[in-house]
Amino acid sequence: MAQEIRTQTRQDRAEFARYVYGLLMERCKMPQLARLGAAASALETGWGRYVAGNNLFGIKPAGAQSHAPGRPEIRAYADPAQSVNSWVYLATESSLYEAPRERLIKHLAALQERGDDPAVYRAAWECWFLDFAKIYCPANPKYGETVLSIAREQDAMREEGRG
């Protein structure tokens, strides 16, 4: 049974986003990957309201990667940090996502060589996530765009918090 965590207000959602972003930054030290991972977690858990087995990303057990609509069995973790480790592994090391990762690496190298603005780097990461999402959640063709929309909402919350 999913553990229900009350996160209803915008402030609660911002706190959840900061919590997951912090876990991701501890593990990967890549702000754009952490930004997108926090947004994916918000989508997968209803902003933290439904977290089954400390799984912040809806990751399924190995061999259970069903592409059928619905919510197949969810992998359980001893703590949320373990689910973060799994998601970061999928994004940065798993051979399943090698093609999108290789395109991102080439794109970032070209941007660095040209000395482009940091906003261009964010756009490169967002393109990567759209590629990643097609493999990660093939049953939902709007998954990537939905996560990017949430990431932008989280960006706005961070800006509000600074003001």
Protein backbone atom coordinates (compact mmCIF):
# COMPACT_ATOMS: atom_id res chain seq x y z
CA MET A 1 0.00 0.00 0.00
CA ALA A 2 1.27 3.45 -0.90
CA GLN A 3 2.28 5.70 1.95
CA GLU A 4 0.34 8.95 1.74
CA ILE A 5 2.30 12.08 2.48
CA ARG A 6 0.26 15.28 2.68
CA THR A 7 1.63 17.79 0.16
CA GLN A 8 -1.25 19.97 -0.92
CA THR A 9 -0.15 23.60 -0.85
CA ARG A 10 2.30 25.31 -3.18
CA GLN A 11 4.67 25.62 -0.21
CA ASP A 12 4.38 21.88 0.48
CA ARG A 13 5.10 21.16 -3.18
CA ALA A 14 8.12 23.45 -3.10
CA GLU A 15 9.41 21.65 0.01
CA PHE A 16 8.99 18.26 -1.67
CA ALA A 17 10.83 19.53 -4.76
CA ARG A 18 13.69 20.88 -2.61
CA TYR A 19 13.91 17.58 -0.72
CA VAL A 20 14.16 15.43 -3.86
CA TYR A 21 16.47 17.93 -5.58
CA GLY A 22 18.76 17.78 -2.54
CA LEU A 23 18.85 13.98 -2.61
CA LEU A 24 19.65 14.03 -6.32
CA MET A 25 22.40 16.65 -5.93
CA GLU A 26 24.03 14.59 -3.15
CA ARG A 27 24.15 11.62 -5.52
CA CYS A 28 24.92 13.12 -8.93
CA LYS A 29 26.26 16.69 -8.46
CA MET A 30 24.57 17.68 -11.77
CA PRO A 31 22.07 20.53 -11.27
CA GLN A 32 20.18 19.97 -14.52
CA LEU A 33 19.84 16.22 -13.94
CA ALA A 34 18.68 16.92 -10.38
CA ARG A 35 16.19 19.51 -11.67
CA LEU A 36 14.66 17.05 -14.13
CA GLY A 37 14.73 14.18 -11.66
CA ALA A 38 12.90 16.24 -9.03
CA ALA A 39 10.24 17.06 -11.61
CA ALA A 40 9.91 13.40 -12.64
CA SER A 41 9.53 12.46 -8.98
CA ALA A 42 6.80 15.08 -8.52
CA LEU A 43 4.89 13.55 -11.42
CA GLU A 44 5.43 9.94 -10.34
CA THR A 45 4.37 10.55 -6.71
CA GLY A 46 1.78 13.29 -7.02
CA TRP A 47 4.22 15.77 -5.47
CA GLY A 48 5.05 13.29 -2.72
CA ARG A 49 1.49 12.39 -1.78
CA TYR A 50 1.87 8.77 -2.86
CA VAL A 51 5.24 7.15 -2.28
CA ALA A 52 5.12 3.35 -2.39
CA GLY A 53 8.13 1.56 -0.93
CA ASN A 54 10.28 4.72 -0.74
CA ASN A 55 10.19 4.75 -4.55
CA LEU A 56 10.29 8.38 -5.67
CA PHE A 57 10.30 7.57 -9.40
CA GLY A 58 7.87 4.71 -10.01
CA ILE A 59 10.77 2.39 -10.88
CA LYS A 60 9.64 -1.16 -11.52
CA PRO A 61 11.56 -4.30 -10.50
CA ALA A 62 14.06 -5.64 -13.05
CA GLY A 63 12.23 -7.69 -15.64
CA ALA A 64 8.88 -6.02 -14.88
CA GLN A 65 9.24 -3.12 -17.29
CA SER A 66 5.69 -3.46 -18.57
CA HIS A 67 4.78 -0.98 -21.27
CA ALA A 68 1.07 -1.48 -20.68
CA PRO A 69 -0.87 1.51 -19.36
CA GLY A 70 -1.55 1.44 -15.65
CA ARG A 71 0.64 1.05 -12.63
CA PRO A 72 2.46 -2.29 -12.60
CA GLU A 73 4.33 -3.50 -9.54
CA ILE A 74 6.63 -0.85 -8.07
CA ARG A 75 10.09 -1.65 -6.73
CA ALA A 76 10.52 -1.12 -2.97
CA TYR A 77 13.59 0.54 -1.44
CA ALA A 78 14.88 0.70 2.14
CA ASP A 79 14.95 4.49 1.92
CA PRO A 80 14.30 7.25 -0.66
CA ALA A 81 18.04 7.72 -1.30
CA GLN A 82 18.20 4.20 -2.75
CA SER A 83 15.50 5.05 -5.27
CA VAL A 84 17.48 8.18 -6.17
CA ASN A 85 20.55 6.00 -6.72
CA SER A 86 18.55 3.75 -9.07
CA TRP A 87 17.15 6.66 -11.06
CA VAL A 88 20.56 8.34 -11.40
CA TYR A 89 22.05 5.01 -12.50
CA LEU A 90 19.36 4.65 -15.17
CA ALA A 91 19.97 8.18 -16.41
CA THR A 92 23.77 8.17 -16.32
CA GLU A 93 24.96 4.58 -16.71
CA SER A 94 22.29 2.15 -17.91
CA SER A 95 22.78 0.85 -21.44
CA LEU A 96 19.02 1.28 -22.00
CA TYR A 97 19.53 5.05 -22.18
CA GLU A 98 22.92 5.13 -23.86
CA ALA A 99 21.78 6.73 -27.14
CA PRO A 100 20.14 9.79 -25.54
CA ARG A 101 23.10 10.13 -23.15
CA GLU A 102 25.63 10.04 -26.00
CA ARG A 103 23.69 12.73 -27.90
CA LEU A 104 23.67 14.90 -24.76
CA ILE A 105 27.40 14.49 -24.21
CA LYS A 106 28.16 15.56 -27.81
CA HIS A 107 25.75 18.47 -27.55
CA LEU A 108 27.22 19.71 -24.26
CA ALA A 109 30.77 19.41 -25.60
CA ALA A 110 29.86 21.56 -28.60
CA LEU A 111 28.19 24.13 -26.34
CA GLN A 112 31.20 24.26 -24.04
CA GLU A 113 33.54 24.72 -26.99
CA ARG A 114 31.46 27.68 -28.17
CA GLY A 115 31.11 29.13 -24.66
CA ASP A 116 27.33 29.35 -24.87
CA ASP A 117 25.07 30.83 -22.24
CA PRO A 118 23.98 28.55 -19.34
CA ALA A 119 20.35 28.75 -20.53
CA VAL A 120 21.42 26.90 -23.67
CA TYR A 121 22.78 24.11 -21.48
CA ARG A 122 19.39 23.81 -19.80
CA ALA A 123 17.74 23.48 -23.22
CA ALA A 124 20.22 20.70 -24.12
CA TRP A 125 19.32 18.82 -20.94
CA GLU A 126 15.63 19.25 -21.68
CA CYS A 127 16.13 17.78 -25.18
CA TRP A 128 17.96 14.87 -23.55
CA PHE A 129 15.07 14.33 -21.15
CA LEU A 130 12.57 14.17 -24.01
CA ASP A 131 14.68 11.40 -25.58
CA PHE A 132 15.10 9.67 -22.19
CA ALA A 133 11.34 9.84 -21.54
CA LYS A 134 10.47 8.02 -24.78
CA ILE A 135 12.34 4.99 -23.44
CA TYR A 136 11.57 5.46 -19.73
CA CYS A 137 7.81 5.77 -20.21
CA PRO A 138 6.85 4.65 -23.73
CA ALA A 139 3.18 4.16 -22.77
CA ASN A 140 2.80 7.91 -22.19
CA PRO A 141 3.95 9.99 -25.17
CA LYS A 142 3.42 13.20 -23.16
CA TYR A 143 5.54 12.08 -20.20
CA GLY A 144 8.60 14.13 -21.20
CA GLU A 145 6.66 17.32 -21.86
CA THR A 146 4.72 16.90 -18.60
CA VAL A 147 7.95 16.53 -16.61
CA LEU A 148 9.44 19.60 -18.33
CA SER A 149 6.33 21.59 -17.43
CA ILE A 150 6.72 20.53 -13.79
CA ALA A 151 10.44 21.42 -13.90
CA ARG A 152 9.53 24.92 -15.07
CA GLU A 153 6.94 25.19 -12.29
CA GLN A 154 9.62 24.18 -9.78
CA ASP A 155 11.95 26.78 -11.29
CA ALA A 156 9.28 29.44 -10.67
CA MET A 157 8.85 28.24 -7.07
CA ARG A 158 12.61 28.55 -6.50
CA GLU A 159 12.56 32.09 -7.91
CA GLU A 160 9.63 33.01 -5.66
CA GLY A 161 11.54 31.64 -2.66
CA ARG A 162 14.44 34.00 -3.40
CA GLY A 163 12.27 37.10 -3.78
